[in-house]
Amino acid sequence: MTILIDAWLERREPSLRVWDCDAREVLVEWHGANLRSLLEQGLLELDDLADSVWSLLRQATQEKKLLTSSNDYHCH
């Protein structure tokens, strides 16, 4: 997978988008207060933004898998 990080951090309302270049779709997107919170908590590091983004993408993927698998076990 090739990703593109589209970051506008100097704006009054900062934004960051991560694109999957192969699929031509946005994988994740943060804006404003949500993005500032990730930066302040150290979950996104500007010095190594690509590694931080990959780490957050892995977490989100794992959480999605857990939610999907837990939905499979609901009784009807």
C-alpha atoms as a PDB file:
ATOM      1  CA  MET A   1       0.000   0.000   0.000  1.00  0.00           C
ATOM      2  CA  THR A   2       1.263   3.449  -0.896  1.00  0.00           C
ATOM      3  CA  ILE A   3       0.032   6.237   1.332  1.00  0.00           C
ATOM      4  CA  LEU A   4       0.051   9.985   0.899  1.00  0.00           C
ATOM      5  CA  ILE A   5      -0.066  12.242   3.942  1.00  0.00           C
ATOM      6  CA  ASP A   6      -1.836  15.514   3.168  1.00  0.00           C
ATOM      7  CA  ALA A   7      -1.162  17.723   6.196  1.00  0.00           C
ATOM      8  CA  TRP A   8      -2.113  21.366   6.683  1.00  0.00           C
ATOM      9  CA  LEU A   9      -0.952  21.971  10.238  1.00  0.00           C
ATOM     10  CA  GLU A  10      -0.208  25.716  10.121  1.00  0.00           C
ATOM     11  CA  ARG A  11      -3.822  26.706   9.467  1.00  0.00           C
ATOM     12  CA  ARG A  12      -6.195  28.092  12.066  1.00  0.00           C
ATOM     13  CA  GLU A  13      -8.176  24.849  11.570  1.00  0.00           C
ATOM     14  CA  PRO A  14      -5.417  22.285  10.962  1.00  0.00           C
ATOM     15  CA  SER A  15      -6.211  19.174   8.960  1.00  0.00           C
ATOM     16  CA  LEU A  16      -4.519  15.911   8.118  1.00  0.00           C
ATOM     17  CA  ARG A  17      -5.670  13.337   5.588  1.00  0.00           C
ATOM     18  CA  VAL A  18      -4.117   9.978   4.832  1.00  0.00           C
ATOM     19  CA  TRP A  19      -4.778   8.667   1.337  1.00  0.00           C
ATOM     20  CA  ASP A  20      -4.424   5.142   0.006  1.00  0.00           C
ATOM     21  CA  CYS A  21      -2.893   6.036  -3.356  1.00  0.00           C
ATOM     22  CA  ASP A  22      -3.596   2.601  -4.849  1.00  0.00           C
ATOM     23  CA  ALA A  23      -7.313   2.649  -4.007  1.00  0.00           C
ATOM     24  CA  ARG A  24      -7.552   6.446  -4.365  1.00  0.00           C
ATOM     25  CA  GLU A  25      -9.502   6.817  -1.150  1.00  0.00           C
ATOM     26  CA  VAL A  26      -9.081   8.616   2.150  1.00  0.00           C
ATOM     27  CA  LEU A  27      -8.179   6.163   4.907  1.00  0.00           C
ATOM     28  CA  VAL A  28      -8.400   8.557   7.820  1.00  0.00           C
ATOM     29  CA  GLU A  29      -8.966  12.261   8.315  1.00  0.00           C
ATOM     30  CA  TRP A  30      -8.555  14.548  11.318  1.00  0.00           C
ATOM     31  CA  HIS A  31      -9.443  18.232  11.688  1.00  0.00           C
ATOM     32  CA  GLY A  32      -9.313  21.039  14.209  1.00  0.00           C
ATOM     33  CA  ALA A  33      -9.604  20.125  17.881  1.00  0.00           C
ATOM     34  CA  ASN A  34      -9.421  16.376  17.201  1.00  0.00           C
ATOM     35  CA  LEU A  35      -6.100  16.761  15.389  1.00  0.00           C
ATOM     36  CA  ARG A  36      -4.711  19.135  18.028  1.00  0.00           C
ATOM     37  CA  SER A  37      -5.663  16.603  20.719  1.00  0.00           C
ATOM     38  CA  LEU A  38      -3.803  13.782  18.934  1.00  0.00           C
ATOM     39  CA  LEU A  39      -0.732  16.004  18.646  1.00  0.00           C
ATOM     40  CA  GLU A  40      -0.896  17.156  22.286  1.00  0.00           C
ATOM     41  CA  GLN A  41      -1.298  13.566  23.554  1.00  0.00           C
ATOM     42  CA  GLY A  42       1.723  12.494  21.517  1.00  0.00           C
ATOM     43  CA  LEU A  43      -0.292  10.020  19.441  1.00  0.00           C
ATOM     44  CA  LEU A  44       0.826  11.885  16.318  1.00  0.00           C
ATOM     45  CA  GLU A  45       4.454  13.003  16.252  1.00  0.00           C
ATOM     46  CA  LEU A  46       5.379  15.636  13.699  1.00  0.00           C
ATOM     47  CA  ASP A  47       9.026  14.557  13.646  1.00  0.00           C
ATOM     48  CA  ASP A  48       8.043  11.108  12.426  1.00  0.00           C
ATOM     49  CA  LEU A  49       4.562  11.629  11.045  1.00  0.00           C
ATOM     50  CA  ALA A  50       4.554   8.605   8.729  1.00  0.00           C
ATOM     51  CA  ASP A  51       5.322   6.172  11.579  1.00  0.00           C
ATOM     52  CA  SER A  52       2.686   7.802  13.793  1.00  0.00           C
ATOM     53  CA  VAL A  53       0.075   7.546  11.050  1.00  0.00           C
ATOM     54  CA  TRP A  54       0.889   3.856  10.399  1.00  0.00           C
ATOM     55  CA  SER A  55       0.569   3.153  14.124  1.00  0.00           C
ATOM     56  CA  LEU A  56      -2.861   4.834  14.312  1.00  0.00           C
ATOM     57  CA  LEU A  57      -4.003   3.021  11.153  1.00  0.00           C
ATOM     58  CA  ARG A  58      -2.996  -0.332  12.650  1.00  0.00           C
ATOM     59  CA  GLN A  59      -4.930   0.481  15.846  1.00  0.00           C
ATOM     60  CA  ALA A  60      -8.014   1.516  13.888  1.00  0.00           C
ATOM     61  CA  THR A  61      -7.838  -1.640  11.776  1.00  0.00           C
ATOM     62  CA  GLN A  62      -7.568  -3.846  14.869  1.00  0.00           C
ATOM     63  CA  GLU A  63     -10.496  -2.068  16.519  1.00  0.00           C
ATOM     64  CA  LYS A  64     -12.596  -2.480  13.368  1.00  0.00           C
ATOM     65  CA  LYS A  65     -11.781  -6.204  13.259  1.00  0.00           C
ATOM     66  CA  LEU A  66     -12.765  -6.575  16.922  1.00  0.00           C
ATOM     67  CA  LEU A  67     -16.071  -4.782  16.344  1.00  0.00           C
ATOM     68  CA  THR A  68     -16.791  -6.850  13.261  1.00  0.00           C
ATOM     69  CA  SER A  69     -16.026 -10.125  15.002  1.00  0.00           C
ATOM     70  CA  SER A  70     -18.099  -9.185  18.068  1.00  0.00           C
ATOM     71  CA  ASN A  71     -21.080  -8.444  15.797  1.00  0.00           C
ATOM     72  CA  ASP A  72     -20.787 -11.954  14.369  1.00  0.00           C
ATOM     73  CA  TYR A  73     -21.586 -13.461  17.773  1.00  0.00           C
ATOM     74  CA  HIS A  74     -24.878 -11.669  18.461  1.00  0.00           C
ATOM     75  CA  CYS A  75     -27.825 -13.939  19.180  1.00  0.00           C
ATOM     76  CA  HIS A  76     -30.932 -13.336  17.096  1.00  0.00           C
END
